[in-house]
N, C-alpha and C. Protein backbone atom coordinates (compact mmCIF):
# COMPACT_ATOMS: atom_id res chain seq x y z
N MET A 1 -15.54 -15.07 -27.58
CA MET A 1 -16.98 -15.08 -27.45
C MET A 1 -17.45 -13.62 -27.35
N LEU A 2 -18.56 -13.30 -28.02
CA LEU A 2 -19.10 -11.95 -28.00
C LEU A 2 -20.22 -11.82 -26.99
N ASN A 3 -20.29 -10.67 -26.37
CA ASN A 3 -21.41 -10.33 -25.50
C ASN A 3 -22.60 -10.01 -26.39
N MET A 4 -23.69 -10.70 -26.18
CA MET A 4 -24.87 -10.54 -27.03
C MET A 4 -25.49 -9.15 -26.88
N MET A 5 -25.31 -8.50 -25.75
CA MET A 5 -25.91 -7.18 -25.52
C MET A 5 -25.10 -6.07 -26.18
N THR A 6 -23.76 -6.16 -26.10
CA THR A 6 -22.92 -5.07 -26.58
C THR A 6 -22.24 -5.37 -27.90
N GLY A 7 -22.12 -6.65 -28.25
CA GLY A 7 -21.39 -7.03 -29.45
C GLY A 7 -19.89 -7.00 -29.27
N ARG A 8 -19.45 -6.69 -28.06
CA ARG A 8 -18.02 -6.64 -27.76
C ARG A 8 -17.54 -8.00 -27.26
N PRO A 9 -16.23 -8.24 -27.41
CA PRO A 9 -15.70 -9.51 -26.88
C PRO A 9 -15.91 -9.60 -25.37
N MET A 10 -16.24 -10.77 -24.89
CA MET A 10 -16.38 -11.00 -23.45
C MET A 10 -14.99 -11.12 -22.84
N PRO A 11 -14.81 -10.63 -21.63
CA PRO A 11 -13.50 -10.75 -20.98
C PRO A 11 -13.16 -12.22 -20.74
N ASN A 12 -11.88 -12.51 -20.76
CA ASN A 12 -11.42 -13.86 -20.48
C ASN A 12 -11.55 -14.10 -18.98
N VAL A 13 -12.54 -14.86 -18.59
CA VAL A 13 -12.84 -15.07 -17.17
C VAL A 13 -11.66 -15.71 -16.46
N ALA A 14 -11.00 -16.66 -17.09
CA ALA A 14 -9.86 -17.33 -16.44
C ALA A 14 -8.77 -16.32 -16.12
N THR A 15 -8.52 -15.38 -17.03
CA THR A 15 -7.50 -14.36 -16.79
C THR A 15 -7.90 -13.48 -15.61
N HIS A 16 -9.13 -13.01 -15.57
CA HIS A 16 -9.58 -12.15 -14.47
C HIS A 16 -9.55 -12.91 -13.14
N GLN A 17 -9.93 -14.18 -13.15
CA GLN A 17 -9.89 -14.96 -11.91
C GLN A 17 -8.46 -15.14 -11.43
N SER A 18 -7.53 -15.41 -12.34
CA SER A 18 -6.15 -15.60 -11.91
C SER A 18 -5.56 -14.31 -11.36
N ILE A 19 -5.96 -13.17 -11.95
CA ILE A 19 -5.48 -11.88 -11.42
C ILE A 19 -6.03 -11.68 -10.02
N ARG A 20 -7.34 -11.95 -9.83
CA ARG A 20 -7.94 -11.78 -8.51
C ARG A 20 -7.31 -12.72 -7.50
N GLN A 21 -6.96 -13.93 -7.92
CA GLN A 21 -6.37 -14.88 -6.99
C GLN A 21 -5.00 -14.41 -6.51
N GLY A 22 -4.29 -13.64 -7.33
CA GLY A 22 -2.98 -13.16 -6.94
C GLY A 22 -3.02 -11.97 -6.00
N ILE A 23 -4.15 -11.29 -5.93
CA ILE A 23 -4.28 -10.10 -5.08
C ILE A 23 -4.31 -10.53 -3.62
N LYS A 24 -3.57 -9.81 -2.80
CA LYS A 24 -3.47 -10.14 -1.37
C LYS A 24 -3.89 -8.95 -0.52
N LYS A 25 -4.49 -9.25 0.61
CA LYS A 25 -4.77 -8.22 1.61
C LYS A 25 -3.48 -7.99 2.38
N VAL A 26 -3.07 -6.74 2.46
CA VAL A 26 -1.81 -6.38 3.10
C VAL A 26 -2.09 -5.32 4.16
N VAL A 27 -1.63 -5.55 5.37
CA VAL A 27 -1.82 -4.60 6.46
C VAL A 27 -0.51 -3.84 6.67
N PHE A 28 -0.61 -2.53 6.68
CA PHE A 28 0.52 -1.66 7.01
C PHE A 28 0.25 -1.08 8.38
N ARG A 29 1.29 -1.09 9.24
CA ARG A 29 1.13 -0.62 10.63
C ARG A 29 2.27 0.31 11.00
N PHE A 30 1.91 1.38 11.69
CA PHE A 30 2.90 2.31 12.23
C PHE A 30 2.70 2.37 13.73
N ASP A 31 3.76 2.10 14.48
CA ASP A 31 3.69 2.09 15.94
C ASP A 31 3.57 3.52 16.46
N GLY A 32 2.43 3.84 17.05
CA GLY A 32 2.17 5.18 17.55
C GLY A 32 3.13 5.63 18.65
N ARG A 33 3.83 4.69 19.28
CA ARG A 33 4.80 5.08 20.31
C ARG A 33 6.00 5.81 19.70
N ARG A 34 6.21 5.65 18.40
CA ARG A 34 7.31 6.35 17.74
C ARG A 34 7.03 7.85 17.65
N MET A 35 5.76 8.21 17.57
CA MET A 35 5.32 9.62 17.53
C MET A 35 4.03 9.72 18.33
N PRO A 36 4.13 9.76 19.65
CA PRO A 36 2.94 9.67 20.50
C PRO A 36 1.90 10.76 20.28
N ARG A 37 2.30 11.91 19.80
CA ARG A 37 1.35 13.00 19.62
C ARG A 37 0.96 13.21 18.15
N ALA A 38 1.20 12.23 17.33
CA ALA A 38 0.88 12.36 15.90
C ALA A 38 -0.61 12.59 15.70
N CYS A 39 -0.91 13.45 14.75
CA CYS A 39 -2.30 13.73 14.41
C CYS A 39 -2.75 12.98 13.16
N SER A 40 -1.81 12.68 12.27
CA SER A 40 -2.17 11.96 11.05
C SER A 40 -1.00 11.12 10.56
N VAL A 41 -1.36 9.97 9.99
CA VAL A 41 -0.37 9.10 9.36
C VAL A 41 -0.95 8.68 8.01
N ALA A 42 -0.19 8.94 6.95
CA ALA A 42 -0.58 8.55 5.60
C ALA A 42 0.42 7.53 5.09
N LEU A 43 -0.04 6.69 4.19
CA LEU A 43 0.81 5.72 3.51
C LEU A 43 0.95 6.17 2.07
N VAL A 44 2.18 6.37 1.63
CA VAL A 44 2.42 6.77 0.25
C VAL A 44 3.37 5.76 -0.39
N GLY A 45 3.19 5.55 -1.67
CA GLY A 45 4.06 4.62 -2.37
C GLY A 45 3.72 4.56 -3.84
N SER A 46 4.39 3.64 -4.51
CA SER A 46 4.18 3.49 -5.94
C SER A 46 2.74 3.08 -6.24
N PHE A 47 2.05 2.46 -5.30
CA PHE A 47 0.68 1.98 -5.48
C PHE A 47 -0.36 3.10 -5.45
N ASN A 48 0.01 4.30 -4.99
CA ASN A 48 -0.94 5.42 -4.97
C ASN A 48 -0.32 6.72 -5.49
N ARG A 49 0.74 6.57 -6.29
CA ARG A 49 1.43 7.72 -6.91
C ARG A 49 1.94 8.72 -5.88
N TRP A 50 2.28 8.22 -4.69
CA TRP A 50 2.88 9.02 -3.63
C TRP A 50 1.95 10.15 -3.17
N ASP A 51 0.67 9.91 -3.23
CA ASP A 51 -0.34 10.90 -2.88
C ASP A 51 -0.76 10.73 -1.41
N THR A 52 -0.48 11.71 -0.58
CA THR A 52 -0.77 11.61 0.86
C THR A 52 -2.26 11.62 1.17
N SER A 53 -3.11 11.98 0.23
CA SER A 53 -4.55 12.03 0.51
C SER A 53 -5.26 10.70 0.26
N VAL A 54 -4.60 9.74 -0.34
CA VAL A 54 -5.27 8.50 -0.76
C VAL A 54 -5.43 7.49 0.37
N HIS A 55 -4.38 7.20 1.12
CA HIS A 55 -4.42 6.15 2.14
C HIS A 55 -4.05 6.70 3.52
N GLN A 56 -5.08 7.09 4.26
CA GLN A 56 -4.90 7.59 5.62
C GLN A 56 -5.06 6.43 6.60
N LEU A 57 -4.10 6.28 7.51
CA LEU A 57 -4.18 5.22 8.51
C LEU A 57 -5.11 5.63 9.63
N THR A 58 -5.65 4.64 10.33
CA THR A 58 -6.56 4.87 11.44
C THR A 58 -5.87 4.47 12.74
N LEU A 59 -5.95 5.33 13.75
CA LEU A 59 -5.37 5.03 15.05
C LEU A 59 -6.25 4.01 15.77
N GLN A 60 -5.65 2.89 16.16
CA GLN A 60 -6.35 1.82 16.86
C GLN A 60 -6.22 2.01 18.38
N PRO A 61 -7.09 1.38 19.16
CA PRO A 61 -7.02 1.50 20.62
C PRO A 61 -5.69 1.03 21.21
N ASP A 62 -4.99 0.13 20.52
CA ASP A 62 -3.71 -0.36 21.03
C ASP A 62 -2.54 0.58 20.73
N GLY A 63 -2.83 1.74 20.09
CA GLY A 63 -1.78 2.72 19.82
C GLY A 63 -1.11 2.58 18.46
N TRP A 64 -1.50 1.58 17.67
CA TRP A 64 -0.94 1.39 16.33
C TRP A 64 -1.84 2.08 15.32
N TRP A 65 -1.25 2.71 14.33
CA TRP A 65 -1.96 3.25 13.18
C TRP A 65 -1.97 2.15 12.12
N THR A 66 -3.12 1.86 11.52
CA THR A 66 -3.19 0.76 10.56
C THR A 66 -4.03 1.11 9.33
N ILE A 67 -3.75 0.37 8.27
CA ILE A 67 -4.56 0.41 7.05
C ILE A 67 -4.37 -0.91 6.33
N SER A 68 -5.42 -1.39 5.68
CA SER A 68 -5.36 -2.61 4.87
C SER A 68 -5.57 -2.24 3.41
N LEU A 69 -4.71 -2.77 2.56
CA LEU A 69 -4.82 -2.57 1.12
C LEU A 69 -4.88 -3.93 0.44
N THR A 70 -5.37 -3.96 -0.77
CA THR A 70 -5.26 -5.17 -1.59
C THR A 70 -4.27 -4.85 -2.70
N LEU A 71 -3.23 -5.67 -2.79
CA LEU A 71 -2.16 -5.44 -3.76
C LEU A 71 -1.86 -6.72 -4.53
N ALA A 72 -1.52 -6.55 -5.78
CA ALA A 72 -1.09 -7.66 -6.62
C ALA A 72 0.35 -8.02 -6.26
N PRO A 73 0.79 -9.23 -6.60
CA PRO A 73 2.18 -9.59 -6.34
C PRO A 73 3.14 -8.60 -6.99
N GLY A 74 4.21 -8.27 -6.28
CA GLY A 74 5.20 -7.33 -6.77
C GLY A 74 5.99 -6.73 -5.63
N LYS A 75 6.86 -5.80 -5.97
CA LYS A 75 7.68 -5.08 -5.00
C LYS A 75 7.22 -3.63 -4.99
N TYR A 76 6.91 -3.13 -3.79
CA TYR A 76 6.34 -1.79 -3.65
C TYR A 76 7.17 -0.93 -2.71
N PRO A 77 7.83 0.12 -3.23
CA PRO A 77 8.48 1.09 -2.35
C PRO A 77 7.41 1.99 -1.72
N TYR A 78 7.63 2.37 -0.46
CA TYR A 78 6.63 3.19 0.24
C TYR A 78 7.26 3.87 1.45
N LEU A 79 6.52 4.81 2.01
CA LEU A 79 6.87 5.50 3.26
C LEU A 79 5.60 5.81 4.02
N PHE A 80 5.74 6.00 5.32
CA PHE A 80 4.68 6.61 6.11
C PHE A 80 4.96 8.11 6.15
N ILE A 81 3.91 8.91 6.09
CA ILE A 81 4.05 10.36 6.27
C ILE A 81 3.33 10.69 7.56
N VAL A 82 4.10 11.01 8.58
CA VAL A 82 3.54 11.27 9.92
C VAL A 82 3.60 12.77 10.16
N ASP A 83 2.43 13.38 10.22
CA ASP A 83 2.34 14.84 10.39
C ASP A 83 3.27 15.57 9.41
N GLY A 84 3.30 15.09 8.16
CA GLY A 84 4.08 15.73 7.11
C GLY A 84 5.53 15.29 7.00
N VAL A 85 5.99 14.41 7.89
CA VAL A 85 7.39 13.98 7.91
C VAL A 85 7.48 12.51 7.45
N PRO A 86 8.38 12.20 6.49
CA PRO A 86 8.50 10.82 6.03
C PRO A 86 9.19 9.91 7.05
N TRP A 87 8.66 8.70 7.21
CA TRP A 87 9.21 7.70 8.11
C TRP A 87 9.28 6.36 7.38
N ASN A 88 10.36 5.63 7.61
CA ASN A 88 10.43 4.25 7.13
C ASN A 88 9.66 3.34 8.06
N ASP A 89 9.31 2.18 7.55
CA ASP A 89 8.56 1.17 8.29
C ASP A 89 9.54 0.19 8.94
N LEU A 90 9.47 0.05 10.25
CA LEU A 90 10.34 -0.91 10.94
C LEU A 90 9.96 -2.35 10.62
N GLU A 91 8.77 -2.56 10.06
CA GLU A 91 8.30 -3.91 9.71
C GLU A 91 8.38 -4.17 8.20
N ASP A 92 9.18 -3.39 7.48
CA ASP A 92 9.26 -3.57 6.02
C ASP A 92 10.01 -4.84 5.65
N ASP A 93 10.01 -5.13 4.35
CA ASP A 93 10.70 -6.31 3.83
C ASP A 93 12.09 -5.96 3.30
N GLY A 94 12.53 -4.76 3.54
CA GLY A 94 13.83 -4.30 3.07
C GLY A 94 13.75 -2.84 2.70
N ARG A 95 14.84 -2.32 2.17
CA ARG A 95 14.91 -0.90 1.78
C ARG A 95 15.49 -0.79 0.38
N VAL A 96 15.11 0.28 -0.29
CA VAL A 96 15.68 0.60 -1.59
C VAL A 96 16.04 2.08 -1.58
N PRO A 97 17.14 2.45 -2.27
CA PRO A 97 17.53 3.85 -2.29
C PRO A 97 16.51 4.71 -3.02
N CYS A 98 16.38 5.94 -2.57
CA CYS A 98 15.51 6.88 -3.27
C CYS A 98 16.36 8.00 -3.86
N GLU A 99 15.75 8.78 -4.72
CA GLU A 99 16.48 9.79 -5.48
C GLU A 99 17.01 10.94 -4.64
N TRP A 100 16.51 11.15 -3.44
CA TRP A 100 16.99 12.27 -2.62
C TRP A 100 18.01 11.83 -1.57
N GLY A 101 18.57 10.61 -1.72
CA GLY A 101 19.66 10.17 -0.86
C GLY A 101 19.25 9.31 0.31
N GLY A 102 17.98 9.19 0.59
CA GLY A 102 17.51 8.34 1.69
C GLY A 102 17.12 6.97 1.18
N GLU A 103 16.19 6.36 1.88
CA GLU A 103 15.71 5.04 1.49
C GLU A 103 14.19 4.98 1.60
N TYR A 104 13.60 4.20 0.72
CA TYR A 104 12.20 3.85 0.83
C TYR A 104 12.11 2.50 1.51
N SER A 105 11.05 2.28 2.27
CA SER A 105 10.74 0.94 2.74
C SER A 105 10.24 0.15 1.53
N LEU A 106 10.35 -1.17 1.62
CA LEU A 106 9.94 -2.03 0.52
C LEU A 106 9.01 -3.13 1.06
N ARG A 107 7.88 -3.31 0.40
CA ARG A 107 6.97 -4.42 0.73
C ARG A 107 6.95 -5.35 -0.47
N ILE A 108 7.19 -6.63 -0.21
CA ILE A 108 7.20 -7.64 -1.27
C ILE A 108 5.97 -8.52 -1.10
N ILE A 109 5.13 -8.56 -2.14
CA ILE A 109 3.93 -9.37 -2.13
C ILE A 109 4.17 -10.55 -3.08
N ARG A 110 4.02 -11.74 -2.54
CA ARG A 110 4.24 -12.95 -3.36
C ARG A 110 2.93 -13.59 -3.71
């Protein structure tokens, strides 16, 4: 079907709806007791090209640093960057090896 205004094909609504239905809200949490004097916690991973400026966590009154993302189903390697130092997530869904000899945390979205 063509859009009468642009003359371009209209997007397949069923496809877009099914993609949206697969997207999940995912909460990432870092326990502030692990680094009580931390000034910043960033979440880096395949979902943000490992960019520390994209997803900054917020310190909650209970001492946990948190952030919510919406992610499509898949497997996502990631790390927390706490004051510039990489940390694995104790609440991850597993680990995968990384190229520098350590491990990335893994989040699996179904």
